[in-house]
Full PDB file with SEQRES, HELIX, SHEET, SSBOND, CRYST1, ORIGX, SCALE, CONECT and MASTER records, all heavy atoms in Angstrom:
SEQRES   1 A   38  GLY TYR GLY SER GLU GLU ASN TYR THR LEU LEU GLU GLY          
SEQRES   2 A   38  LYS ASN VAL THR ALA TYR VAL LYS TYR SER LEU PHE ASP          
SEQRES   3 A   38  LYS ARG GLN ASN ARG ALA TYR ASN LYS LYS HIS PRO              
HELIX    1 AA1 GLU A    5  GLY A   13  1                                   9    
HELIX    2 AA2 PHE A   25  ARG A   28  1                                   4    
HELIX    3 AA3 ARG A   31  LYS A   36  1                                   6    
CRYST1    1.000    1.000    1.000  90.00  90.00  90.00 P 1           1          
ORIGX1      1.000000  0.000000  0.000000        0.00000                         
ORIGX2      0.000000  1.000000  0.000000        0.00000                         
ORIGX3      0.000000  0.000000  1.000000        0.00000                         
SCALE1      1.000000  0.000000  0.000000        0.00000                         
SCALE2      0.000000  1.000000  0.000000        0.00000                         
SCALE3      0.000000  0.000000  1.000000        0.00000                         
ATOM      1  N   GLY A   1    -118.606 153.986   2.220  1.00  0.00           N  
ATOM      2  CA  GLY A   1    -119.973 154.485   2.263  1.00  0.00           C  
ATOM      3  C   GLY A   1    -120.751 154.216   0.994  1.00  0.00           C  
ATOM      4  O   GLY A   1    -121.978 154.315   0.976  1.00  0.00           O  
ATOM      5  N   TYR A   2    -120.059 153.880  -0.087  1.00  0.00           N  
ATOM      6  CA  TYR A   2    -120.711 153.631  -1.375  1.00  0.00           C  
ATOM      7  C   TYR A   2    -120.722 152.148  -1.742  1.00  0.00           C  
ATOM      8  O   TYR A   2    -121.228 151.791  -2.800  1.00  0.00           O  
ATOM      9  CB  TYR A   2    -119.983 154.415  -2.477  1.00  0.00           C  
ATOM     10  CG  TYR A   2    -119.954 155.897  -2.237  1.00  0.00           C  
ATOM     11  CD1 TYR A   2    -118.944 156.477  -1.464  1.00  0.00           C  
ATOM     12  CD2 TYR A   2    -120.935 156.732  -2.756  1.00  0.00           C  
ATOM     13  CE1 TYR A   2    -118.912 157.847  -1.230  1.00  0.00           C  
ATOM     14  CE2 TYR A   2    -120.907 158.101  -2.524  1.00  0.00           C  
ATOM     15  CZ  TYR A   2    -119.893 158.643  -1.760  1.00  0.00           C  
ATOM     16  OH  TYR A   2    -119.869 159.990  -1.519  1.00  0.00           O  
ATOM     17  N   GLY A   3    -120.168 151.289  -0.882  1.00  0.00           N  
ATOM     18  CA  GLY A   3    -120.008 149.879  -1.212  1.00  0.00           C  
ATOM     19  C   GLY A   3    -121.238 149.041  -0.953  1.00  0.00           C  
ATOM     20  O   GLY A   3    -121.301 148.296   0.020  1.00  0.00           O  
ATOM     21  N   SER A   4    -122.234 149.147  -1.814  1.00  0.00           N  
ATOM     22  CA  SER A   4    -123.450 148.335  -1.697  1.00  0.00           C  
ATOM     23  C   SER A   4    -123.640 147.524  -2.968  1.00  0.00           C  
ATOM     24  O   SER A   4    -123.077 147.842  -4.020  1.00  0.00           O  
ATOM     25  CB  SER A   4    -124.676 149.227  -1.471  1.00  0.00           C  
ATOM     26  OG  SER A   4    -124.948 150.013  -2.614  1.00  0.00           O  
ATOM     27  N   GLU A   5    -124.473 146.484  -2.892  1.00  0.00           N  
ATOM     28  CA  GLU A   5    -124.747 145.653  -4.072  1.00  0.00           C  
ATOM     29  C   GLU A   5    -125.349 146.487  -5.191  1.00  0.00           C  
ATOM     30  O   GLU A   5    -125.013 146.317  -6.367  1.00  0.00           O  
ATOM     31  CB  GLU A   5    -125.690 144.513  -3.692  1.00  0.00           C  
ATOM     32  CG  GLU A   5    -125.981 143.561  -4.844  1.00  0.00           C  
ATOM     33  CD  GLU A   5    -127.016 142.511  -4.498  1.00  0.00           C  
ATOM     34  OE1 GLU A   5    -127.514 142.490  -3.358  1.00  0.00           O  
ATOM     35  OE2 GLU A   5    -127.333 141.688  -5.397  1.00  0.00           O  
ATOM     36  N   GLU A   6    -126.245 147.392  -4.817  1.00  0.00           N  
ATOM     37  CA  GLU A   6    -126.888 148.243  -5.821  1.00  0.00           C  
ATOM     38  C   GLU A   6    -125.865 149.090  -6.560  1.00  0.00           C  
ATOM     39  O   GLU A   6    -125.915 149.218  -7.795  1.00  0.00           O  
ATOM     40  CB  GLU A   6    -127.926 149.134  -5.136  1.00  0.00           C  
ATOM     41  CG  GLU A   6    -128.690 150.029  -6.078  1.00  0.00           C  
ATOM     42  CD  GLU A   6    -129.769 150.841  -5.386  1.00  0.00           C  
ATOM     43  OE1 GLU A   6    -129.909 150.721  -4.149  1.00  0.00           O  
ATOM     44  OE2 GLU A   6    -130.474 151.591  -6.090  1.00  0.00           O  
ATOM     45  N   ASN A   7    -124.920 149.679  -5.828  1.00  0.00           N  
ATOM     46  CA  ASN A   7    -123.913 150.535  -6.460  1.00  0.00           C  
ATOM     47  C   ASN A   7    -122.916 149.735  -7.291  1.00  0.00           C  
ATOM     48  O   ASN A   7    -122.508 150.168  -8.373  1.00  0.00           O  
ATOM     49  CB  ASN A   7    -123.191 151.364  -5.407  1.00  0.00           C  
ATOM     50  CG  ASN A   7    -124.059 152.467  -4.835  1.00  0.00           C  
ATOM     51  OD1 ASN A   7    -125.052 152.857  -5.445  1.00  0.00           O  
ATOM     52  ND2 ASN A   7    -123.705 152.969  -3.667  1.00  0.00           N  
ATOM     53  N   TYR A   8    -122.507 148.566  -6.780  1.00  0.00           N  
ATOM     54  CA  TYR A   8    -121.604 147.716  -7.571  1.00  0.00           C  
ATOM     55  C   TYR A   8    -122.278 147.296  -8.876  1.00  0.00           C  
ATOM     56  O   TYR A   8    -121.653 147.287  -9.945  1.00  0.00           O  
ATOM     57  CB  TYR A   8    -121.211 146.474  -6.766  1.00  0.00           C  
ATOM     58  CG  TYR A   8    -120.189 146.724  -5.675  1.00  0.00           C  
ATOM     59  CD1 TYR A   8    -120.365 146.178  -4.403  1.00  0.00           C  
ATOM     60  CD2 TYR A   8    -119.046 147.472  -5.913  1.00  0.00           C  
ATOM     61  CE1 TYR A   8    -119.440 146.399  -3.389  1.00  0.00           C  
ATOM     62  CE2 TYR A   8    -118.110 147.690  -4.915  1.00  0.00           C  
ATOM     63  CZ  TYR A   8    -118.313 147.147  -3.655  1.00  0.00           C  
ATOM     64  OH  TYR A   8    -117.385 147.361  -2.657  1.00  0.00           O  
ATOM     65  N   THR A   9    -123.573 146.930  -8.797  1.00  0.00           N  
ATOM     66  CA  THR A   9    -124.315 146.531  -9.994  1.00  0.00           C  
ATOM     67  C   THR A   9    -124.424 147.699 -10.971  1.00  0.00           C  
ATOM     68  O   THR A   9    -124.290 147.522 -12.184  1.00  0.00           O  
ATOM     69  CB  THR A   9    -125.720 146.038  -9.599  1.00  0.00           C  
ATOM     70  OG1 THR A   9    -125.606 144.965  -8.651  1.00  0.00           O  
ATOM     71  CG2 THR A   9    -126.494 145.554 -10.814  1.00  0.00           C  
ATOM     72  N   LEU A  10    -124.682 148.896 -10.447  1.00  0.00           N  
ATOM     73  CA  LEU A  10    -124.780 150.098 -11.278  1.00  0.00           C  
ATOM     74  C   LEU A  10    -123.469 150.363 -12.007  1.00  0.00           C  
ATOM     75  O   LEU A  10    -123.456 150.627 -13.222  1.00  0.00           O  
ATOM     76  CB  LEU A  10    -125.151 151.291 -10.399  1.00  0.00           C  
ATOM     77  CG  LEU A  10    -125.154 152.672 -11.062  1.00  0.00           C  
ATOM     78  CD1 LEU A  10    -126.328 152.796 -12.027  1.00  0.00           C  
ATOM     79  CD2 LEU A  10    -125.216 153.781 -10.010  1.00  0.00           C  
ATOM     80  N   LEU A  11    -122.356 150.295 -11.283  1.00  0.00           N  
ATOM     81  CA  LEU A  11    -121.050 150.576 -11.880  1.00  0.00           C  
ATOM     82  C   LEU A  11    -120.664 149.513 -12.904  1.00  0.00           C  
ATOM     83  O   LEU A  11    -120.069 149.828 -13.938  1.00  0.00           O  
ATOM     84  CB  LEU A  11    -119.989 150.667 -10.777  1.00  0.00           C  
ATOM     85  CG  LEU A  11    -120.136 151.874  -9.824  1.00  0.00           C  
ATOM     86  CD1 LEU A  11    -119.288 151.694  -8.584  1.00  0.00           C  
ATOM     87  CD2 LEU A  11    -119.765 153.172 -10.535  1.00  0.00           C  
ATOM     88  N   GLU A  12    -121.011 148.245 -12.626  1.00  0.00           N  
ATOM     89  CA  GLU A  12    -120.758 147.184 -13.602  1.00  0.00           C  
ATOM     90  C   GLU A  12    -121.537 147.426 -14.889  1.00  0.00           C  
ATOM     91  O   GLU A  12    -121.018 147.239 -15.992  1.00  0.00           O  
ATOM     92  CB  GLU A  12    -121.145 145.826 -13.014  1.00  0.00           C  
ATOM     93  CG  GLU A  12    -120.148 145.268 -12.020  1.00  0.00           C  
ATOM     94  CD  GLU A  12    -120.573 143.925 -11.456  1.00  0.00           C  
ATOM     95  OE1 GLU A  12    -121.761 143.555 -11.637  1.00  0.00           O  
ATOM     96  OE2 GLU A  12    -119.738 143.247 -10.836  1.00  0.00           O  
ATOM     97  N   GLY A  13    -122.806 147.830 -14.740  1.00  0.00           N  
ATOM     98  CA  GLY A  13    -123.646 148.087 -15.909  1.00  0.00           C  
ATOM     99  C   GLY A  13    -123.141 149.225 -16.768  1.00  0.00           C  
ATOM    100  O   GLY A  13    -123.389 149.257 -17.978  1.00  0.00           O  
ATOM    101  N   LYS A  14    -122.436 150.182 -16.168  1.00  0.00           N  
ATOM    102  CA  LYS A  14    -121.906 151.328 -16.912  1.00  0.00           C  
ATOM    103  C   LYS A  14    -120.434 151.130 -17.300  1.00  0.00           C  
ATOM    104  O   LYS A  14    -119.795 152.064 -17.796  1.00  0.00           O  
ATOM    105  CB  LYS A  14    -122.052 152.604 -16.058  1.00  0.00           C  
ATOM    106  CG  LYS A  14    -123.501 152.999 -15.803  1.00  0.00           C  
ATOM    107  CD  LYS A  14    -123.590 154.276 -14.983  1.00  0.00           C  
ATOM    108  CE  LYS A  14    -125.030 154.667 -14.720  1.00  0.00           C  
ATOM    109  NZ  LYS A  14    -125.754 155.047 -15.955  1.00  0.00           N  
ATOM    110  N   ASN A  15    -119.891 149.928 -17.038  1.00  0.00           N  
ATOM    111  CA  ASN A  15    -118.494 149.605 -17.367  1.00  0.00           C  
ATOM    112  C   ASN A  15    -117.507 150.572 -16.713  1.00  0.00           C  
ATOM    113  O   ASN A  15    -116.528 151.004 -17.332  1.00  0.00           O  
ATOM    114  CB  ASN A  15    -118.287 149.597 -18.891  1.00  0.00           C  
ATOM    115  CG  ASN A  15    -119.078 148.502 -19.577  1.00  0.00           C  
ATOM    116  OD1 ASN A  15    -119.154 147.377 -19.075  1.00  0.00           O  
ATOM    117  ND2 ASN A  15    -119.682 148.813 -20.711  1.00  0.00           N  
ATOM    118  N   VAL A  16    -117.788 150.908 -15.473  1.00  0.00           N  
ATOM    119  CA  VAL A  16    -116.904 151.779 -14.704  1.00  0.00           C  
ATOM    120  C   VAL A  16    -116.026 150.909 -13.803  1.00  0.00           C  
ATOM    121  O   VAL A  16    -116.537 150.078 -13.044  1.00  0.00           O  
ATOM    122  CB  VAL A  16    -117.708 152.768 -13.833  1.00  0.00           C  
ATOM    123  CG1 VAL A  16    -116.767 153.644 -13.002  1.00  0.00           C  
ATOM    124  CG2 VAL A  16    -118.609 153.632 -14.706  1.00  0.00           C  
ATOM    125  N   THR A  17    -114.725 151.070 -13.892  1.00  0.00           N  
ATOM    126  CA  THR A  17    -113.814 150.339 -13.003  1.00  0.00           C  
ATOM    127  C   THR A  17    -113.951 150.938 -11.609  1.00  0.00           C  
ATOM    128  O   THR A  17    -113.618 152.103 -11.385  1.00  0.00           O  
ATOM    129  CB  THR A  17    -112.360 150.458 -13.484  1.00  0.00           C  
ATOM    130  OG1 THR A  17    -112.275 150.008 -14.836  1.00  0.00           O  
ATOM    131  CG2 THR A  17    -111.439 149.624 -12.612  1.00  0.00           C  
ATOM    132  N   ALA A  18    -114.444 150.130 -10.673  1.00  0.00           N  
ATOM    133  CA  ALA A  18    -114.843 150.647  -9.356  1.00  0.00           C  
ATOM    134  C   ALA A  18    -113.833 150.252  -8.283  1.00  0.00           C  
ATOM    135  O   ALA A  18    -113.764 149.087  -7.878  1.00  0.00           O  
ATOM    136  CB  ALA A  18    -116.224 150.118  -8.981  1.00  0.00           C  
ATOM    137  N   TYR A  19    -113.049 151.231  -7.826  1.00  0.00           N  
ATOM    138  CA  TYR A  19    -112.181 151.037  -6.664  1.00  0.00           C  
ATOM    139  C   TYR A  19    -112.972 151.522  -5.442  1.00  0.00           C  
ATOM    140  O   TYR A  19    -112.676 152.565  -4.861  1.00  0.00           O  
ATOM    141  CB  TYR A  19    -110.882 151.818  -6.838  1.00  0.00           C  
ATOM    142  CG  TYR A  19    -110.037 151.335  -7.996  1.00  0.00           C  
ATOM    143  CD1 TYR A  19    -110.148 151.918  -9.253  1.00  0.00           C  
ATOM    144  CD2 TYR A  19    -109.145 150.280  -7.831  1.00  0.00           C  
ATOM    145  CE1 TYR A  19    -109.388 151.470 -10.324  1.00  0.00           C  
ATOM    146  CE2 TYR A  19    -108.381 149.821  -8.895  1.00  0.00           C  
ATOM    147  CZ  TYR A  19    -108.511 150.422 -10.133  1.00  0.00           C  
ATOM    148  OH  TYR A  19    -107.752 149.965 -11.193  1.00  0.00           O  
ATOM    149  N   VAL A  20    -113.980 150.739  -5.095  1.00  0.00           N  
ATOM    150  CA  VAL A  20    -114.930 151.121  -4.043  1.00  0.00           C  
ATOM    151  C   VAL A  20    -114.900 150.074  -2.943  1.00  0.00           C  
ATOM    152  O   VAL A  20    -115.149 148.887  -3.196  1.00  0.00           O  
ATOM    153  CB  VAL A  20    -116.362 151.264  -4.598  1.00  0.00           C  
ATOM    154  CG1 VAL A  20    -117.332 151.679  -3.498  1.00  0.00           C  
ATOM    155  CG2 VAL A  20    -116.397 152.278  -5.743  1.00  0.00           C  
ATOM    156  N   LYS A  21    -114.606 150.492  -1.731  1.00  0.00           N  
ATOM    157  CA  LYS A  21    -114.581 149.572  -0.594  1.00  0.00           C  
ATOM    158  C   LYS A  21    -115.997 149.157  -0.210  1.00  0.00           C  
ATOM    159  O   LYS A  21    -116.955 149.887  -0.458  1.00  0.00           O  
ATOM    160  CB  LYS A  21    -113.930 150.235   0.627  1.00  0.00           C  
ATOM    161  CG  LYS A  21    -112.479 150.591   0.458  1.00  0.00           C  
ATOM    162  CD  LYS A  21    -111.967 151.260   1.724  1.00  0.00           C  
ATOM    163  CE  LYS A  21    -110.529 151.704   1.599  1.00  0.00           C  
ATOM    164  NZ  LYS A  21    -110.053 152.383   2.831  1.00  0.00           N  
ATOM    165  N   TYR A  22    -116.115 147.993   0.425  1.00  0.00           N  
ATOM    166  CA  TYR A  22    -117.372 147.598   1.062  1.00  0.00           C  
ATOM    167  C   TYR A  22    -117.209 147.776   2.567  1.00  0.00           C  
ATOM    168  O   TYR A  22    -116.119 148.099   3.055  1.00  0.00           O  
ATOM    169  CB  TYR A  22    -117.758 146.159   0.702  1.00  0.00           C  
ATOM    170  CG  TYR A  22    -116.648 145.145   0.862  1.00  0.00           C  
ATOM    171  CD1 TYR A  22    -116.432 144.510   2.081  1.00  0.00           C  
ATOM    172  CD2 TYR A  22    -115.810 144.836  -0.203  1.00  0.00           C  
ATOM    173  CE1 TYR A  22    -115.411 143.588   2.235  1.00  0.00           C  
ATOM    174  CE2 TYR A  22    -114.783 143.916  -0.058  1.00  0.00           C  
ATOM    175  CZ  TYR A  22    -114.594 143.301   1.162  1.00  0.00           C  
ATOM    176  OH  TYR A  22    -113.571 142.397   1.317  1.00  0.00           O  
ATOM    177  N   SER A  23    -118.268 147.591   3.316  1.00  0.00           N  
ATOM    178  CA  SER A  23    -118.290 148.025   4.722  1.00  0.00           C  
ATOM    179  C   SER A  23    -117.223 147.374   5.585  1.00  0.00           C  
ATOM    180  O   SER A  23    -116.675 148.015   6.474  1.00  0.00           O  
ATOM    181  CB  SER A  23    -119.680 147.783   5.327  1.00  0.00           C  
ATOM    182  OG  SER A  23    -120.017 146.408   5.230  1.00  0.00           O  
ATOM    183  N   LEU A  24    -116.910 146.102   5.355  1.00  0.00           N  
ATOM    184  CA  LEU A  24    -115.965 145.397   6.229  1.00  0.00           C  
ATOM    185  C   LEU A  24    -114.583 145.230   5.586  1.00  0.00           C  
ATOM    186  O   LEU A  24    -113.769 144.446   6.094  1.00  0.00           O  
ATOM    187  CB  LEU A  24    -116.514 144.010   6.603  1.00  0.00           C  
ATOM    188  CG  LEU A  24    -117.768 143.986   7.494  1.00  0.00           C  
ATOM    189  CD1 LEU A  24    -118.227 142.553   7.720  1.00  0.00           C  
ATOM    190  CD2 LEU A  24    -117.497 144.669   8.823  1.00  0.00           C  
ATOM    191  N   PHE A  25    -114.292 145.973   4.520  1.00  0.00           N  
ATOM    192  CA  PHE A  25    -113.017 145.777   3.824  1.00  0.00           C  
ATOM    193  C   PHE A  25    -111.834 146.051   4.745  1.00  0.00           C  
ATOM    194  O   PHE A  25    -110.903 145.248   4.844  1.00  0.00           O  
ATOM    195  CB  PHE A  25    -112.948 146.683   2.596  1.00  0.00           C  
ATOM    196  CG  PHE A  25    -111.615 146.629   1.895  1.00  0.00           C  
ATOM    197  CD1 PHE A  25    -111.321 145.600   1.027  1.00  0.00           C  
ATOM    198  CD2 PHE A  25    -110.649 147.612   2.123  1.00  0.00           C  
ATOM    199  CE1 PHE A  25    -110.086 145.536   0.387  1.00  0.00           C  
ATOM    200  CE2 PHE A  25    -109.421 147.558   1.486  1.00  0.00           C  
ATOM    201  CZ  PHE A  25    -109.136 146.520   0.615  1.00  0.00           C  
ATOM    202  N   ASP A  26    -111.832 147.191   5.418  1.00  0.00           N  
ATOM    203  CA  ASP A  26    -110.701 147.553   6.281  1.00  0.00           C  
ATOM    204  C   ASP A  26    -110.570 146.593   7.462  1.00  0.00           C  
ATOM    205  O   ASP A  26    -109.456 146.213   7.846  1.00  0.00           O  
ATOM    206  CB  ASP A  26    -110.861 148.988   6.780  1.00  0.00           C  
ATOM    207  CG  ASP A  26    -110.623 150.004   5.674  1.00  0.00           C  
ATOM    208  OD1 ASP A  26    -109.769 149.737   4.806  1.00  0.00           O  
ATOM    209  OD2 ASP A  26    -111.302 151.043   5.662  1.00  0.00           O  
ATOM    210  N   LYS A  27    -111.704 146.190   8.044  1.00  0.00           N  
ATOM    211  CA  LYS A  27    -111.650 145.281   9.196  1.00  0.00           C  
ATOM    212  C   LYS A  27    -111.105 143.910   8.806  1.00  0.00           C  
ATOM    213  O   LYS A  27    -110.390 143.274   9.586  1.00  0.00           O  
ATOM    214  CB  LYS A  27    -113.040 145.146   9.813  1.00  0.00           C  
ATOM    215  CG  LYS A  27    -113.498 146.382  10.570  1.00  0.00           C  
ATOM    216  CD  LYS A  27    -114.818 146.136  11.290  1.00  0.00           C  
ATOM    217  CE  LYS A  27    -115.214 147.350  12.117  1.00  0.00           C  
ATOM    218  NZ  LYS A  27    -116.504 147.128  12.828  1.00  0.00           N  
ATOM    219  N   ARG A  28    -111.425 143.464   7.604  1.00  0.00           N  
ATOM    220  CA  ARG A  28    -110.954 142.147   7.175  1.00  0.00           C  
ATOM    221  C   ARG A  28    -109.452 142.119   6.917  1.00  0.00           C  
ATOM    222  O   ARG A  28    -108.864 141.041   6.826  1.00  0.00           O  
ATOM    223  CB  ARG A  28    -111.707 141.717   5.906  1.00  0.00           C  
ATOM    224  CG  ARG A  28    -113.141 141.278   6.178  1.00  0.00           C  
ATOM    225  CD  ARG A  28    -113.804 140.776   4.914  1.00  0.00           C  
ATOM    226  NE  ARG A  28    -115.166 140.295   5.184  1.00  0.00           N  
ATOM    227  CZ  ARG A  28    -115.987 139.814   4.257  1.00  0.00           C  
ATOM    228  NH1 ARG A  28    -115.565 139.739   3.006  1.00  0.00           N  
ATOM    229  NH2 ARG A  28    -117.196 139.406   4.567  1.00  0.00           N  
ATOM    230  N   GLN A  29    -108.835 143.298   6.814  1.00  0.00           N  
ATOM    231  CA  GLN A  29    -107.382 143.348   6.661  1.00  0.00           C  
ATOM    232  C   GLN A  29    -106.683 143.302   8.022  1.00  0.00           C  
ATOM    233  O   GLN A  29    -105.460 143.216   8.091  1.00  0.00           O  
ATOM    234  CB  GLN A  29    -106.961 144.619   5.923  1.00  0.00           C  
ATOM    235  CG  GLN A  29    -107.800 145.002   4.713  1.00  0.00           C  
ATOM    236  CD  GLN A  29    -108.054 143.874   3.746  1.00  0.00           C  
ATOM    237  OE1 GLN A  29    -107.128 143.181   3.344  1.00  0.00           O  
ATOM    238  NE2 GLN A  29    -109.313 143.680   3.375  1.00  0.00           N  
ATOM    239  N   ASN A  30    -107.481 143.368   9.095  1.00  0.00           N  
ATOM    240  CA  ASN A  30    -106.948 143.416  10.457  1.00  0.00           C  
ATOM    241  C   ASN A  30    -106.917 142.008  11.059  1.00  0.00           C  
ATOM    242  O   ASN A  30    -107.952 141.339  11.159  1.00  0.00           O  
ATOM    243  CB  ASN A  30    -107.836 144.343  11.306  1.00  0.00           C  
ATOM    244  CG  ASN A  30    -107.221 144.641  12.658  1.00  0.00           C  
ATOM    245  OD1 ASN A  30    -106.624 143.761  13.281  1.00  0.00           O  
ATOM    246  ND2 ASN A  30    -107.375 145.866  13.117  1.00  0.00           N  
ATOM    247  N   ARG A  31    -105.753 141.557  11.462  1.00  0.00           N  
ATOM    248  CA  ARG A  31    -105.629 140.207  12.019  1.00  0.00           C  
ATOM    249  C   ARG A  31    -106.410 140.048  13.320  1.00  0.00           C  
ATOM    250  O   ARG A  31    -107.004 139.004  13.576  1.00  0.00           O  
ATOM    251  CB  ARG A  31    -104.146 139.885  12.267  1.00  0.00           C  
ATOM    252  CG  ARG A  31    -103.335 139.730  10.992  1.00  0.00           C  
ATOM    253  CD  ARG A  31    -101.898 139.364  11.324  1.00  0.00           C  
ATOM    254  NE  ARG A  31    -101.101 139.220  10.113  1.00  0.00           N  
ATOM    255  CZ  ARG A  31     -99.804 138.929  10.117  1.00  0.00           C  
ATOM    256  NH1 ARG A  31     -99.157 138.768  11.281  1.00  0.00           N  
ATOM    257  NH2 ARG A  31     -99.151 138.799   8.969  1.00  0.00           N  
ATOM    258  N   ALA A  32    -106.404 141.097  14.129  1.00  0.00           N  
ATOM    259  CA  ALA A  32    -107.117 141.023  15.410  1.00  0.00           C  
ATOM    260  C   ALA A  32    -108.610 140.819  15.173  1.00  0.00           C  
ATOM    261  O   ALA A  32    -109.258 140.034  15.893  1.00  0.00           O  
ATOM    262  CB  ALA A  32    -106.872 142.308  16.212  1.00  0.00           C  
ATOM    263  N   TYR A  33    -109.164 141.490  14.189  1.00  0.00           N  
ATOM    264  CA  TYR A  33    -110.597 141.321  13.884  1.00  0.00           C  
ATOM    265  C   TYR A  33    -110.865 139.897  13.406  1.00  0.00           C  
ATOM    266  O   TYR A  33    -111.856 139.271  13.808  1.00  0.00           O  
ATOM    267  CB  TYR A  33    -111.025 142.329  12.813  1.00  0.00           C  
ATOM    268  CG  TYR A  33    -112.451 142.151  12.358  1.00  0.00           C  
ATOM    269  CD1 TYR A  33    -113.517 142.681  13.086  1.00  0.00           C  
ATOM    270  CD2 TYR A  33    -112.738 141.430  11.191  1.00  0.00           C  
ATOM    271  CE1 TYR A  33    -114.827 142.505  12.664  1.00  0.00           C  
ATOM    272  CE2 TYR A  33    -114.041 141.250  10.771  1.00  0.00           C  
ATOM    273  CZ  TYR A  33    -115.087 141.795  11.507  1.00  0.00           C  
ATOM    274  OH  TYR A  33    -116.385 141.601  11.093  1.00  0.00           O  
ATOM    275  N   ASN A  34    -110.000 139.347  12.564  1.00  0.00           N  
ATOM    276  CA  ASN A  34    -110.200 137.990  12.044  1.00  0.00           C  
ATOM    277  C   ASN A  34    -110.115 136.949  13.157  1.00  0.00           C  
ATOM    278  O   ASN A  34    -110.831 135.937  13.133  1.00  0.00           O  
ATOM    279  CB  ASN A  34    -109.165 137.689  10.958  1.00  0.00           C  
ATOM    280  CG  ASN A  34    -109.436 138.481   9.691  1.00  0.00           C  
ATOM    281  OD1 ASN A  34    -110.592 138.723   9.348  1.00  0.00           O  
ATOM    282  ND2 ASN A  34    -108.379 138.891   8.998  1.00  0.00           N  
ATOM    283  N   LYS A  35    -109.262 137.210  14.151  1.00  0.00           N  
ATOM    284  CA  LYS A  35    -109.157 136.267  15.272  1.00  0.00           C  
ATOM    285  C   LYS A  35    -110.404 136.297  16.144  1.00  0.00           C  
ATOM    286  O   LYS A  35    -110.794 135.284  16.728  1.00  0.00           O  
ATOM    287  CB  LYS A  35    -107.928 136.609  16.116  1.00  0.00           C  
ATOM    288  CG  LYS A  35    -106.609 136.222  15.456  1.00  0.00           C  
ATOM    289  CD  LYS A  35    -105.430 136.550  16.362  1.00  0.00           C  
ATOM    290  CE  LYS A  35    -104.103 136.155  15.706  1.00  0.00           C  
ATOM    291  NZ  LYS A  35    -102.939 136.484  16.568  1.00  0.00           N  
ATOM    292  N   LYS A  36    -111.024 137.457  16.244  1.00  0.00           N  
ATOM    293  CA  LYS A  36    -112.244 137.576  17.059  1.00  0.00           C  
ATOM    294  C   LYS A  36    -113.451 136.929  16.392  1.00  0.00           C  
ATOM    295  O   LYS A  36    -114.432 136.600  17.057  1.00  0.00           O  
ATOM    296  CB  LYS A  36    -112.555 139.057  17.319  1.00  0.00           C  
ATOM    297  CG  LYS A  36    -111.614 139.719  18.318  1.00  0.00           C  
ATOM    298  CD  LYS A  36    -112.026 141.173  18.528  1.00  0.00           C  
ATOM    299  CE  LYS A  36    -111.098 141.864  19.516  1.00  0.00           C  
ATOM    300  NZ  LYS A  36    -111.458 143.298  19.698  1.00  0.00           N  
ATOM    301  N   HIS A  37    -113.407 136.757  15.070  1.00  0.00           N  
ATOM    302  CA  HIS A  37    -114.551 136.209  14.338  1.00  0.00           C  
ATOM    303  C   HIS A  37    -114.087 135.030  13.469  1.00  0.00           C  
ATOM    304  O   HIS A  37    -114.152 135.077  12.242  1.00  0.00           O  
ATOM    305  CB  HIS A  37    -115.207 137.281  13.462  1.00  0.00           C  
ATOM    306  CG  HIS A  37    -115.667 138.479  14.224  1.00  0.00           C  
ATOM    307  ND1 HIS A  37    -114.818 139.514  14.549  1.00  0.00           N  
ATOM    308  CD2 HIS A  37    -116.884 138.797  14.738  1.00  0.00           C  
ATOM    309  CE1 HIS A  37    -115.496 140.437  15.210  1.00  0.00           C  
ATOM    310  NE2 HIS A  37    -116.741 140.025  15.347  1.00  0.00           N  
ATOM    311  N   PRO A  38    -113.614 133.951  14.094  1.00  0.00           N  
ATOM    312  CA  PRO A  38    -113.103 132.820  13.306  1.00  0.00           C  
ATOM    313  C   PRO A  38    -114.202 131.995  12.648  1.00  0.00           C  
ATOM    314  O   PRO A  38    -113.925 131.202  11.744  1.00  0.00           O  
ATOM    315  CB  PRO A  38    -112.358 131.986  14.362  1.00  0.00           C  
ATOM    316  CG  PRO A  38    -113.080 132.279  15.631  1.00  0.00           C  
ATOM    317  CD  PRO A  38    -113.514 133.711  15.546  1.00  0.00           C  
TER     318      PRO A  38                                                      
MASTER        0    0    0    3    0    0    0    6  317    1    0    3          
END                                                                             
């Protein structure tokens, strides 16, 4: 929910190590999803 360009840029500017997912991170780990969108 926090994985946007604006937030990543903000965290980079403040030198915060960001373990923040982006919207499709979990889906891209799924083989079935990758097969549906080759």
